[in-house]
N, C-alpha and C. Protein backbone atom coordinates (compact mmCIF):
# COMPACT_ATOMS: atom_id res chain seq x y z
N MET A 1 -12.34 7.94 -5.33
CA MET A 1 -11.39 8.07 -6.43
C MET A 1 -11.91 7.44 -7.71
N ALA A 2 -12.92 6.60 -7.62
CA ALA A 2 -13.42 5.93 -8.82
C ALA A 2 -14.24 6.90 -9.67
N PRO A 3 -14.02 6.91 -10.97
CA PRO A 3 -14.82 7.78 -11.84
C PRO A 3 -16.25 7.27 -11.99
N GLU A 4 -17.09 8.10 -12.59
CA GLU A 4 -18.48 7.72 -12.81
C GLU A 4 -18.55 6.45 -13.65
N GLY A 5 -19.44 5.55 -13.25
CA GLY A 5 -19.61 4.30 -13.98
C GLY A 5 -18.79 3.15 -13.45
N VAL A 6 -17.95 3.41 -12.44
CA VAL A 6 -17.13 2.35 -11.84
C VAL A 6 -17.66 2.05 -10.44
N SER A 7 -17.92 0.79 -10.17
CA SER A 7 -18.40 0.39 -8.84
C SER A 7 -17.29 -0.34 -8.09
N ILE A 8 -17.29 -0.24 -6.78
CA ILE A 8 -16.29 -0.84 -5.92
C ILE A 8 -16.97 -1.86 -5.01
N HIS A 9 -16.40 -3.05 -4.93
CA HIS A 9 -16.92 -4.11 -4.06
C HIS A 9 -15.77 -4.58 -3.18
N ALA A 10 -16.06 -5.14 -2.02
CA ALA A 10 -14.99 -5.51 -1.09
C ALA A 10 -15.29 -6.80 -0.37
N ALA A 11 -14.23 -7.51 -0.04
CA ALA A 11 -14.29 -8.67 0.86
C ALA A 11 -13.15 -8.53 1.85
N ARG A 12 -13.43 -8.67 3.11
CA ARG A 12 -12.40 -8.50 4.14
C ARG A 12 -11.71 -9.82 4.45
N VAL A 13 -10.46 -9.70 4.86
CA VAL A 13 -9.64 -10.87 5.20
C VAL A 13 -9.29 -10.79 6.68
N PRO A 14 -9.62 -11.80 7.49
CA PRO A 14 -9.28 -11.75 8.92
C PRO A 14 -7.78 -11.67 9.15
N LEU A 15 -7.39 -10.88 10.14
CA LEU A 15 -5.98 -10.73 10.48
C LEU A 15 -5.68 -11.25 11.88
N GLY A 16 -6.72 -11.66 12.61
CA GLY A 16 -6.51 -12.17 13.95
C GLY A 16 -6.68 -11.13 15.03
N TRP A 17 -7.05 -9.89 14.66
CA TRP A 17 -7.29 -8.83 15.64
C TRP A 17 -8.73 -8.94 16.11
N ARG A 18 -8.93 -9.17 17.39
CA ARG A 18 -10.27 -9.43 17.88
C ARG A 18 -10.71 -8.53 19.03
N SER A 19 -9.80 -7.77 19.63
CA SER A 19 -10.20 -6.97 20.78
C SER A 19 -9.41 -5.67 20.82
N GLY A 20 -9.94 -4.71 21.59
CA GLY A 20 -9.26 -3.42 21.72
C GLY A 20 -9.70 -2.44 20.66
N SER A 21 -9.42 -1.16 20.89
CA SER A 21 -9.86 -0.11 19.97
C SER A 21 -8.92 0.07 18.79
N GLN A 22 -7.71 -0.48 18.89
CA GLN A 22 -6.73 -0.35 17.82
C GLN A 22 -6.08 -1.70 17.55
N PRO A 23 -5.72 -1.97 16.30
CA PRO A 23 -5.01 -3.21 16.01
C PRO A 23 -3.58 -3.14 16.53
N PRO A 24 -2.94 -4.29 16.74
CA PRO A 24 -1.53 -4.30 17.14
C PRO A 24 -0.65 -3.89 15.97
N PRO A 25 0.62 -3.60 16.20
CA PRO A 25 1.52 -3.29 15.08
C PRO A 25 1.55 -4.42 14.07
N ILE A 26 1.64 -4.05 12.80
CA ILE A 26 1.70 -5.05 11.73
C ILE A 26 3.14 -5.54 11.64
N GLY A 27 3.39 -6.70 12.20
CA GLY A 27 4.73 -7.24 12.20
C GLY A 27 4.97 -8.21 11.05
N PHE A 28 6.18 -8.78 11.06
CA PHE A 28 6.63 -9.68 10.01
C PHE A 28 5.67 -10.87 9.84
N ASP A 29 5.33 -11.51 10.95
CA ASP A 29 4.50 -12.71 10.88
C ASP A 29 3.11 -12.42 10.35
N ALA A 30 2.50 -11.32 10.81
CA ALA A 30 1.16 -10.97 10.35
C ALA A 30 1.16 -10.62 8.87
N ALA A 31 2.19 -9.92 8.43
CA ALA A 31 2.27 -9.53 7.02
C ALA A 31 2.39 -10.75 6.12
N ARG A 32 3.16 -11.74 6.55
CA ARG A 32 3.30 -12.96 5.76
C ARG A 32 2.01 -13.79 5.81
N ALA A 33 1.41 -13.90 7.01
CA ALA A 33 0.23 -14.74 7.18
C ALA A 33 -0.95 -14.23 6.35
N PHE A 34 -1.04 -12.91 6.20
CA PHE A 34 -2.17 -12.35 5.45
C PHE A 34 -2.19 -12.87 4.01
N ALA A 35 -1.02 -13.09 3.43
CA ALA A 35 -0.92 -13.50 2.03
C ALA A 35 -1.07 -15.00 1.84
N GLU A 36 -1.13 -15.75 2.92
CA GLU A 36 -1.19 -17.21 2.83
C GLU A 36 -2.63 -17.70 2.90
N PRO A 37 -2.91 -18.91 2.36
CA PRO A 37 -4.25 -19.50 2.50
C PRO A 37 -4.55 -19.72 3.99
N PRO A 38 -5.84 -19.78 4.38
CA PRO A 38 -6.97 -19.87 3.44
C PRO A 38 -7.75 -18.57 3.25
N TYR A 39 -7.57 -17.57 4.16
CA TYR A 39 -8.52 -16.46 4.19
C TYR A 39 -8.50 -15.58 2.95
N VAL A 40 -7.31 -15.20 2.48
CA VAL A 40 -7.26 -14.34 1.30
C VAL A 40 -7.75 -15.10 0.07
N ASP A 41 -7.49 -16.39 0.02
CA ASP A 41 -7.98 -17.20 -1.09
C ASP A 41 -9.51 -17.25 -1.09
N GLU A 42 -10.10 -17.39 0.09
CA GLU A 42 -11.55 -17.40 0.20
C GLU A 42 -12.14 -16.05 -0.23
N ALA A 43 -11.49 -14.96 0.15
CA ALA A 43 -11.97 -13.63 -0.24
C ALA A 43 -11.91 -13.45 -1.76
N ALA A 44 -10.81 -13.89 -2.37
CA ALA A 44 -10.68 -13.78 -3.83
C ALA A 44 -11.73 -14.62 -4.54
N THR A 45 -11.96 -15.81 -4.04
CA THR A 45 -12.97 -16.69 -4.65
C THR A 45 -14.35 -16.09 -4.54
N LEU A 46 -14.63 -15.50 -3.38
CA LEU A 46 -15.94 -14.85 -3.18
C LEU A 46 -16.13 -13.68 -4.14
N LEU A 47 -15.12 -12.84 -4.29
CA LEU A 47 -15.23 -11.70 -5.19
C LEU A 47 -15.36 -12.13 -6.65
N ALA A 48 -14.75 -13.25 -6.99
CA ALA A 48 -14.81 -13.72 -8.37
C ALA A 48 -16.21 -14.15 -8.78
N ASP A 49 -17.10 -14.35 -7.81
CA ASP A 49 -18.49 -14.67 -8.14
C ASP A 49 -19.27 -13.46 -8.62
N VAL A 50 -18.71 -12.26 -8.39
CA VAL A 50 -19.32 -11.03 -8.90
C VAL A 50 -18.73 -10.78 -10.29
N PRO A 51 -19.49 -10.25 -11.23
CA PRO A 51 -18.92 -9.99 -12.57
C PRO A 51 -17.98 -8.78 -12.56
N LEU A 52 -16.76 -8.99 -12.03
CA LEU A 52 -15.79 -7.91 -11.88
C LEU A 52 -14.80 -7.90 -13.04
N ASN A 53 -14.21 -6.73 -13.28
CA ASN A 53 -13.15 -6.59 -14.29
C ASN A 53 -11.77 -6.77 -13.69
N VAL A 54 -11.61 -6.43 -12.40
CA VAL A 54 -10.30 -6.48 -11.76
C VAL A 54 -10.49 -6.56 -10.25
N ILE A 55 -9.55 -7.21 -9.57
CA ILE A 55 -9.56 -7.32 -8.12
C ILE A 55 -8.26 -6.75 -7.58
N THR A 56 -8.34 -5.97 -6.51
CA THR A 56 -7.14 -5.42 -5.89
C THR A 56 -6.93 -6.05 -4.52
N TYR A 57 -5.67 -6.25 -4.20
CA TYR A 57 -5.25 -6.85 -2.92
C TYR A 57 -4.63 -5.74 -2.09
N ALA A 58 -5.26 -5.39 -0.98
CA ALA A 58 -4.87 -4.17 -0.27
C ALA A 58 -4.13 -4.49 1.03
N PHE A 59 -2.83 -4.83 0.89
CA PHE A 59 -2.02 -5.08 2.08
C PHE A 59 -0.56 -4.88 1.72
N THR A 60 -0.08 -3.66 1.86
CA THR A 60 1.26 -3.30 1.39
C THR A 60 2.37 -4.08 2.07
N SER A 61 2.29 -4.26 3.38
CA SER A 61 3.43 -4.83 4.10
C SER A 61 3.69 -6.28 3.73
N SER A 62 2.69 -7.00 3.22
CA SER A 62 2.99 -8.37 2.79
C SER A 62 3.89 -8.36 1.56
N SER A 63 3.77 -7.33 0.71
CA SER A 63 4.70 -7.19 -0.41
C SER A 63 6.13 -7.02 0.10
N TYR A 64 6.29 -6.23 1.15
CA TYR A 64 7.62 -6.00 1.71
C TYR A 64 8.24 -7.30 2.20
N VAL A 65 7.43 -8.14 2.83
CA VAL A 65 7.93 -9.40 3.38
C VAL A 65 8.17 -10.43 2.28
N LEU A 66 7.26 -10.50 1.30
CA LEU A 66 7.37 -11.50 0.24
C LEU A 66 8.39 -11.14 -0.82
N GLY A 67 8.58 -9.84 -1.07
CA GLY A 67 9.43 -9.41 -2.16
C GLY A 67 8.71 -9.49 -3.50
N ALA A 68 9.36 -9.03 -4.56
CA ALA A 68 8.73 -8.98 -5.88
C ALA A 68 8.38 -10.36 -6.40
N ASP A 69 9.26 -11.34 -6.17
CA ASP A 69 8.98 -12.70 -6.63
C ASP A 69 7.78 -13.28 -5.88
N GLY A 70 7.70 -13.00 -4.59
CA GLY A 70 6.56 -13.45 -3.81
C GLY A 70 5.27 -12.80 -4.25
N ASP A 71 5.33 -11.52 -4.60
CA ASP A 71 4.16 -10.83 -5.14
C ASP A 71 3.67 -11.51 -6.42
N ALA A 72 4.62 -11.86 -7.29
CA ALA A 72 4.26 -12.51 -8.56
C ALA A 72 3.61 -13.87 -8.31
N ALA A 73 4.14 -14.62 -7.34
CA ALA A 73 3.57 -15.93 -7.01
C ALA A 73 2.17 -15.78 -6.42
N LEU A 74 1.99 -14.77 -5.55
CA LEU A 74 0.68 -14.51 -4.97
C LEU A 74 -0.32 -14.14 -6.05
N LYS A 75 0.07 -13.26 -6.94
CA LYS A 75 -0.80 -12.86 -8.04
C LYS A 75 -1.22 -14.07 -8.87
N SER A 76 -0.27 -14.92 -9.19
CA SER A 76 -0.57 -16.11 -10.00
C SER A 76 -1.53 -17.04 -9.28
N ARG A 77 -1.31 -17.25 -7.97
CA ARG A 77 -2.19 -18.13 -7.20
C ARG A 77 -3.61 -17.59 -7.13
N LEU A 78 -3.73 -16.29 -6.85
CA LEU A 78 -5.06 -15.70 -6.72
C LEU A 78 -5.80 -15.66 -8.06
N GLU A 79 -5.07 -15.42 -9.15
CA GLU A 79 -5.74 -15.35 -10.46
C GLU A 79 -6.24 -16.72 -10.92
N LYS A 80 -5.68 -17.78 -10.40
CA LYS A 80 -6.25 -19.11 -10.67
C LYS A 80 -7.59 -19.25 -9.96
N LEU A 81 -7.68 -18.69 -8.77
CA LEU A 81 -8.93 -18.75 -8.01
C LEU A 81 -9.99 -17.81 -8.57
N THR A 82 -9.56 -16.71 -9.18
CA THR A 82 -10.51 -15.73 -9.71
C THR A 82 -10.90 -16.05 -11.16
N ARG A 83 -10.42 -17.17 -11.65
CA ARG A 83 -10.75 -17.63 -13.01
C ARG A 83 -10.36 -16.59 -14.05
N GLY A 84 -9.17 -16.01 -13.86
CA GLY A 84 -8.63 -15.11 -14.87
C GLY A 84 -8.90 -13.64 -14.65
N ILE A 85 -9.72 -13.28 -13.65
CA ILE A 85 -9.90 -11.85 -13.34
C ILE A 85 -8.55 -11.34 -12.83
N PRO A 86 -7.97 -10.29 -13.44
CA PRO A 86 -6.65 -9.84 -13.03
C PRO A 86 -6.64 -9.31 -11.59
N VAL A 87 -5.53 -9.55 -10.90
CA VAL A 87 -5.34 -9.10 -9.53
C VAL A 87 -4.21 -8.08 -9.49
N ARG A 88 -4.45 -6.95 -8.84
CA ARG A 88 -3.44 -5.91 -8.66
C ARG A 88 -2.97 -5.91 -7.20
N ILE A 89 -1.67 -5.73 -6.99
CA ILE A 89 -1.05 -5.76 -5.67
C ILE A 89 -0.33 -4.43 -5.45
N PRO A 90 -0.38 -3.86 -4.22
CA PRO A 90 0.09 -2.49 -4.01
C PRO A 90 1.49 -2.16 -4.52
N CYS A 91 2.49 -2.94 -4.13
CA CYS A 91 3.86 -2.54 -4.48
C CYS A 91 4.16 -2.64 -5.98
N PRO A 92 3.76 -3.71 -6.67
CA PRO A 92 3.93 -3.69 -8.12
C PRO A 92 3.20 -2.52 -8.78
N SER A 93 2.03 -2.17 -8.25
CA SER A 93 1.30 -1.01 -8.78
C SER A 93 2.07 0.28 -8.52
N ALA A 94 2.67 0.39 -7.33
CA ALA A 94 3.45 1.58 -7.01
C ALA A 94 4.69 1.68 -7.90
N VAL A 95 5.36 0.55 -8.14
CA VAL A 95 6.53 0.54 -9.00
C VAL A 95 6.16 1.01 -10.40
N LEU A 96 5.05 0.50 -10.93
CA LEU A 96 4.59 0.91 -12.26
C LEU A 96 4.28 2.40 -12.29
N ALA A 97 3.60 2.89 -11.25
CA ALA A 97 3.25 4.31 -11.19
C ALA A 97 4.50 5.19 -11.12
N LEU A 98 5.46 4.81 -10.29
CA LEU A 98 6.69 5.60 -10.16
C LEU A 98 7.47 5.62 -11.46
N ARG A 99 7.54 4.48 -12.14
CA ARG A 99 8.25 4.44 -13.43
C ARG A 99 7.50 5.26 -14.48
N THR A 100 6.18 5.24 -14.42
CA THR A 100 5.39 6.03 -15.36
C THR A 100 5.67 7.52 -15.17
N LEU A 101 5.88 7.92 -13.91
CA LEU A 101 6.17 9.32 -13.59
C LEU A 101 7.63 9.69 -13.82
N GLY A 102 8.47 8.69 -14.08
CA GLY A 102 9.89 8.95 -14.26
C GLY A 102 10.62 9.23 -12.96
N ALA A 103 10.09 8.77 -11.83
CA ALA A 103 10.71 9.01 -10.53
C ALA A 103 11.86 8.03 -10.29
N HIS A 104 12.90 8.50 -9.63
CA HIS A 104 14.06 7.67 -9.32
C HIS A 104 14.41 7.68 -7.84
N ARG A 105 14.24 8.83 -7.17
CA ARG A 105 14.63 8.98 -5.77
C ARG A 105 13.37 9.08 -4.92
N LEU A 106 13.21 8.11 -4.05
CA LEU A 106 11.92 7.92 -3.38
C LEU A 106 12.00 8.21 -1.89
N ALA A 107 11.03 8.97 -1.39
CA ALA A 107 10.79 9.10 0.05
C ALA A 107 9.63 8.17 0.40
N LEU A 108 9.89 7.25 1.30
CA LEU A 108 8.92 6.22 1.67
C LEU A 108 8.43 6.50 3.09
N ILE A 109 7.12 6.72 3.22
CA ILE A 109 6.53 7.05 4.53
C ILE A 109 5.51 5.99 4.89
N HIS A 110 5.63 5.46 6.11
CA HIS A 110 4.75 4.40 6.57
C HIS A 110 3.88 4.88 7.73
N PRO A 111 2.80 4.16 8.03
CA PRO A 111 1.95 4.53 9.16
C PRO A 111 2.68 4.36 10.48
N PRO A 112 2.23 5.06 11.51
CA PRO A 112 2.93 5.02 12.80
C PRO A 112 2.94 3.66 13.47
N TRP A 113 2.07 2.75 13.05
CA TRP A 113 2.04 1.42 13.68
C TRP A 113 2.98 0.42 13.00
N TYR A 114 3.71 0.83 11.98
CA TYR A 114 4.69 -0.06 11.35
C TYR A 114 5.96 -0.13 12.21
N PRO A 115 6.46 -1.32 12.50
CA PRO A 115 7.75 -1.44 13.20
C PRO A 115 8.90 -1.13 12.26
N THR A 116 10.08 -0.87 12.84
CA THR A 116 11.23 -0.48 12.02
C THR A 116 11.64 -1.59 11.05
N GLU A 117 11.39 -2.85 11.40
CA GLU A 117 11.74 -3.94 10.50
C GLU A 117 10.94 -3.87 9.20
N ILE A 118 9.67 -3.48 9.28
CA ILE A 118 8.86 -3.33 8.08
C ILE A 118 9.34 -2.12 7.27
N ASP A 119 9.74 -1.04 7.96
CA ASP A 119 10.32 0.11 7.25
C ASP A 119 11.54 -0.33 6.43
N ARG A 120 12.39 -1.13 7.06
CA ARG A 120 13.61 -1.59 6.38
C ARG A 120 13.27 -2.46 5.17
N LEU A 121 12.32 -3.38 5.35
CA LEU A 121 11.94 -4.26 4.25
C LEU A 121 11.31 -3.47 3.10
N GLY A 122 10.54 -2.44 3.46
CA GLY A 122 9.93 -1.60 2.42
C GLY A 122 10.98 -0.90 1.59
N ALA A 123 11.97 -0.34 2.26
CA ALA A 123 13.06 0.34 1.54
C ALA A 123 13.79 -0.65 0.64
N GLN A 124 14.03 -1.85 1.15
CA GLN A 124 14.74 -2.85 0.36
C GLN A 124 13.94 -3.27 -0.86
N TYR A 125 12.61 -3.38 -0.71
CA TYR A 125 11.75 -3.76 -1.84
C TYR A 125 11.95 -2.79 -3.00
N PHE A 126 11.87 -1.50 -2.71
CA PHE A 126 11.97 -0.51 -3.79
C PHE A 126 13.40 -0.38 -4.31
N ARG A 127 14.39 -0.56 -3.44
CA ARG A 127 15.77 -0.57 -3.94
C ARG A 127 15.99 -1.73 -4.91
N ASN A 128 15.40 -2.87 -4.59
CA ASN A 128 15.53 -4.04 -5.48
C ASN A 128 14.86 -3.81 -6.83
N GLN A 129 13.95 -2.84 -6.89
CA GLN A 129 13.29 -2.49 -8.14
C GLN A 129 13.99 -1.33 -8.86
N GLY A 130 15.15 -0.92 -8.34
CA GLY A 130 15.96 0.07 -9.04
C GLY A 130 15.81 1.50 -8.56
N PHE A 131 15.08 1.73 -7.47
CA PHE A 131 14.88 3.08 -6.96
C PHE A 131 15.93 3.41 -5.89
N ASP A 132 16.27 4.67 -5.81
CA ASP A 132 17.13 5.17 -4.75
C ASP A 132 16.22 5.67 -3.63
N VAL A 133 16.15 4.91 -2.54
CA VAL A 133 15.28 5.29 -1.42
C VAL A 133 16.07 6.22 -0.51
N VAL A 134 15.70 7.50 -0.53
CA VAL A 134 16.44 8.51 0.22
C VAL A 134 15.85 8.76 1.60
N HIS A 135 14.69 8.19 1.86
CA HIS A 135 14.05 8.32 3.18
C HIS A 135 13.07 7.16 3.34
N ALA A 136 13.11 6.50 4.51
CA ALA A 136 12.15 5.42 4.79
C ALA A 136 11.92 5.37 6.29
N ALA A 137 10.71 5.74 6.71
CA ALA A 137 10.41 5.76 8.15
C ALA A 137 8.90 5.83 8.35
N ALA A 138 8.47 5.40 9.51
CA ALA A 138 7.08 5.57 9.90
C ALA A 138 6.84 7.01 10.34
N ALA A 139 5.69 7.56 9.97
CA ALA A 139 5.34 8.92 10.39
C ALA A 139 5.02 8.91 11.88
N GLN A 140 5.71 9.72 12.62
CA GLN A 140 5.51 9.78 14.07
C GLN A 140 4.41 10.81 14.37
N ILE A 141 3.18 10.38 14.18
CA ILE A 141 2.03 11.25 14.43
C ILE A 141 1.05 10.56 15.36
N GLU A 142 0.25 11.36 16.04
CA GLU A 142 -0.77 10.81 16.92
C GLU A 142 -1.96 10.34 16.08
N GLY A 143 -2.72 9.44 16.67
CA GLY A 143 -3.89 8.92 15.98
C GLY A 143 -3.61 7.56 15.41
N GLY A 144 -4.38 6.58 15.84
CA GLY A 144 -4.17 5.22 15.36
C GLY A 144 -4.83 5.00 14.02
N GLN A 145 -4.94 3.74 13.65
CA GLN A 145 -5.44 3.37 12.33
C GLN A 145 -6.86 3.88 12.07
N LEU A 146 -7.63 4.05 13.12
CA LEU A 146 -9.03 4.46 12.96
C LEU A 146 -9.21 5.98 13.07
N ALA A 147 -8.11 6.72 13.28
CA ALA A 147 -8.26 8.17 13.50
C ALA A 147 -7.06 8.94 12.97
N ILE A 148 -6.69 8.72 11.71
CA ILE A 148 -5.58 9.47 11.11
C ILE A 148 -6.08 10.84 10.64
N ASP A 149 -5.39 11.88 11.04
CA ASP A 149 -5.73 13.25 10.66
C ASP A 149 -4.85 13.65 9.47
N PRO A 150 -5.43 13.86 8.27
CA PRO A 150 -4.61 14.25 7.11
C PRO A 150 -3.77 15.49 7.34
N LEU A 151 -4.23 16.42 8.19
CA LEU A 151 -3.44 17.62 8.47
C LEU A 151 -2.13 17.26 9.17
N LYS A 152 -2.20 16.33 10.12
CA LYS A 152 -0.98 15.90 10.83
C LYS A 152 -0.04 15.18 9.86
N VAL A 153 -0.61 14.40 8.95
CA VAL A 153 0.21 13.73 7.94
C VAL A 153 0.91 14.77 7.07
N TYR A 154 0.16 15.78 6.65
CA TYR A 154 0.71 16.86 5.82
C TYR A 154 1.86 17.55 6.54
N GLU A 155 1.65 17.92 7.79
CA GLU A 155 2.68 18.65 8.55
C GLU A 155 3.93 17.78 8.74
N TRP A 156 3.73 16.50 9.04
CA TRP A 156 4.88 15.62 9.26
C TRP A 156 5.67 15.43 7.96
N ALA A 157 4.97 15.21 6.88
CA ALA A 157 5.65 14.98 5.60
C ALA A 157 6.40 16.23 5.15
N CYS A 158 5.79 17.39 5.31
CA CYS A 158 6.47 18.63 4.92
C CYS A 158 7.77 18.82 5.69
N ALA A 159 7.80 18.36 6.94
CA ALA A 159 8.97 18.54 7.78
C ALA A 159 10.03 17.46 7.55
N HIS A 160 9.68 16.32 6.94
CA HIS A 160 10.60 15.20 6.89
C HIS A 160 10.97 14.70 5.50
N VAL A 161 10.22 15.06 4.47
CA VAL A 161 10.59 14.61 3.12
C VAL A 161 11.82 15.38 2.67
N PRO A 162 12.92 14.69 2.37
CA PRO A 162 14.14 15.40 1.98
C PRO A 162 14.04 16.01 0.59
N ALA A 163 14.79 17.05 0.36
CA ALA A 163 14.79 17.73 -0.94
C ALA A 163 15.26 16.80 -2.05
N ALA A 164 16.05 15.80 -1.70
CA ALA A 164 16.59 14.89 -2.71
C ALA A 164 15.54 13.99 -3.34
N ALA A 165 14.42 13.80 -2.67
CA ALA A 165 13.37 12.90 -3.18
C ALA A 165 12.65 13.55 -4.36
N ASP A 166 12.44 12.78 -5.43
CA ASP A 166 11.63 13.33 -6.52
C ASP A 166 10.23 12.72 -6.58
N ALA A 167 9.89 11.88 -5.58
CA ALA A 167 8.52 11.37 -5.42
C ALA A 167 8.36 10.87 -3.99
N VAL A 168 7.13 10.83 -3.53
CA VAL A 168 6.79 10.35 -2.19
C VAL A 168 5.80 9.21 -2.33
N PHE A 169 6.03 8.12 -1.57
CA PHE A 169 5.07 7.02 -1.54
C PHE A 169 4.69 6.74 -0.10
N PHE A 170 3.38 6.81 0.18
CA PHE A 170 2.85 6.43 1.48
C PHE A 170 2.44 4.96 1.41
N GLY A 171 3.22 4.09 2.05
CA GLY A 171 2.86 2.68 2.12
C GLY A 171 1.84 2.43 3.21
N GLY A 172 1.11 1.31 3.08
CA GLY A 172 0.12 0.96 4.10
C GLY A 172 -1.28 1.27 3.65
N ASN A 173 -2.06 0.24 3.31
CA ASN A 173 -3.42 0.48 2.81
C ASN A 173 -4.38 0.91 3.90
N GLY A 174 -3.99 0.72 5.17
CA GLY A 174 -4.82 1.21 6.27
C GLY A 174 -4.45 2.61 6.72
N PHE A 175 -3.53 3.26 6.00
CA PHE A 175 -3.04 4.59 6.35
C PHE A 175 -3.89 5.61 5.58
N GLY A 176 -4.82 6.25 6.28
CA GLY A 176 -5.79 7.13 5.62
C GLY A 176 -5.22 8.48 5.27
N VAL A 177 -4.48 8.55 4.16
CA VAL A 177 -3.76 9.79 3.81
C VAL A 177 -4.21 10.39 2.49
N ILE A 178 -5.26 9.85 1.88
CA ILE A 178 -5.72 10.37 0.59
C ILE A 178 -5.98 11.87 0.66
N GLY A 179 -6.54 12.32 1.77
CA GLY A 179 -6.90 13.74 1.90
C GLY A 179 -5.71 14.69 1.95
N ALA A 180 -4.49 14.15 2.09
CA ALA A 180 -3.31 15.01 2.16
C ALA A 180 -2.59 15.15 0.82
N ILE A 181 -2.96 14.35 -0.18
CA ILE A 181 -2.19 14.29 -1.42
C ILE A 181 -2.12 15.66 -2.11
N ARG A 182 -3.25 16.27 -2.35
CA ARG A 182 -3.28 17.50 -3.14
C ARG A 182 -2.43 18.60 -2.50
N ALA A 183 -2.61 18.79 -1.18
CA ALA A 183 -1.86 19.84 -0.49
C ALA A 183 -0.37 19.53 -0.47
N LEU A 184 -0.01 18.26 -0.30
CA LEU A 184 1.41 17.89 -0.27
C LEU A 184 2.07 18.10 -1.63
N GLU A 185 1.38 17.72 -2.69
CA GLU A 185 1.96 17.93 -4.02
C GLU A 185 2.17 19.40 -4.30
N LYS A 186 1.26 20.23 -3.84
CA LYS A 186 1.40 21.68 -4.05
C LYS A 186 2.57 22.22 -3.24
N GLU A 187 2.70 21.76 -1.99
CA GLU A 187 3.76 22.27 -1.11
C GLU A 187 5.13 21.72 -1.50
N LEU A 188 5.20 20.42 -1.80
CA LEU A 188 6.49 19.78 -2.06
C LEU A 188 6.94 19.91 -3.51
N GLY A 189 5.98 20.13 -4.41
CA GLY A 189 6.32 20.28 -5.81
C GLY A 189 6.79 19.00 -6.48
N ARG A 190 6.24 17.87 -6.04
CA ARG A 190 6.60 16.57 -6.64
C ARG A 190 5.45 15.59 -6.43
N PRO A 191 5.41 14.49 -7.16
CA PRO A 191 4.29 13.55 -7.05
C PRO A 191 4.23 12.91 -5.67
N VAL A 192 3.00 12.73 -5.18
CA VAL A 192 2.74 12.05 -3.91
C VAL A 192 1.78 10.90 -4.20
N LEU A 193 2.21 9.69 -3.91
CA LEU A 193 1.42 8.49 -4.18
C LEU A 193 1.08 7.78 -2.87
N THR A 194 -0.05 7.08 -2.87
CA THR A 194 -0.40 6.26 -1.72
C THR A 194 -0.76 4.86 -2.21
N ALA A 195 -0.73 3.91 -1.29
CA ALA A 195 -0.98 2.51 -1.65
C ALA A 195 -2.36 2.33 -2.27
N ASN A 196 -3.38 2.96 -1.70
CA ASN A 196 -4.72 2.81 -2.26
C ASN A 196 -4.86 3.54 -3.59
N GLN A 197 -4.23 4.70 -3.69
CA GLN A 197 -4.30 5.47 -4.94
C GLN A 197 -3.71 4.69 -6.11
N VAL A 198 -2.53 4.11 -5.92
CA VAL A 198 -1.89 3.40 -7.04
C VAL A 198 -2.65 2.14 -7.39
N LEU A 199 -3.28 1.50 -6.39
CA LEU A 199 -4.10 0.32 -6.68
C LEU A 199 -5.30 0.68 -7.56
N VAL A 200 -6.00 1.75 -7.20
CA VAL A 200 -7.15 2.17 -8.00
C VAL A 200 -6.71 2.58 -9.39
N TRP A 201 -5.61 3.34 -9.48
CA TRP A 201 -5.09 3.76 -10.78
C TRP A 201 -4.76 2.55 -11.64
N HIS A 202 -4.04 1.59 -11.09
CA HIS A 202 -3.64 0.40 -11.86
C HIS A 202 -4.86 -0.43 -12.24
N ALA A 203 -5.83 -0.52 -11.35
CA ALA A 203 -7.06 -1.25 -11.67
C ALA A 203 -7.80 -0.61 -12.84
N LEU A 204 -7.87 0.72 -12.83
CA LEU A 204 -8.56 1.42 -13.92
C LEU A 204 -7.83 1.28 -15.24
């Protein structure tokens, strides 16, 4: 998604998943722990040693657990560690993108490994930002985090996005749905956003 002349660098943050072919469901505790010191702070400090213009934090569900105020506090803490390099966080970026598009009624789709409690918190996050969330659920499709088929995502979304929605947001930075955006926008006739897409857009 990056245009010519833009380079992407990454630092990974441990989540405690050490065995098995698939990670466990991202629950409340894991989503909160990811945003807390020391690991994410170490990753931000490491990236700040590179001459970067902006750093993105790619973990949507922690925004759901922390809320908008928690996102702001996390951004402030990380930007002290990055010595002023701006930090972008998925949900604030999504809110900005949706407002830029003039969207009001949101269909929120999460990866199949999200528990219902995270679905509920996600809907509440966007409602607290003034959006009417007309749909919020995990996509019930086969394929774990390492094997998401964009065609299955497309078929599920076409069958479940309500007509009342004027925009779609796919939460979850590990949800590989970029390949479904173009076809979904053509079929549904409305904007389709993803967590990684809005992060890159806001960073640019």
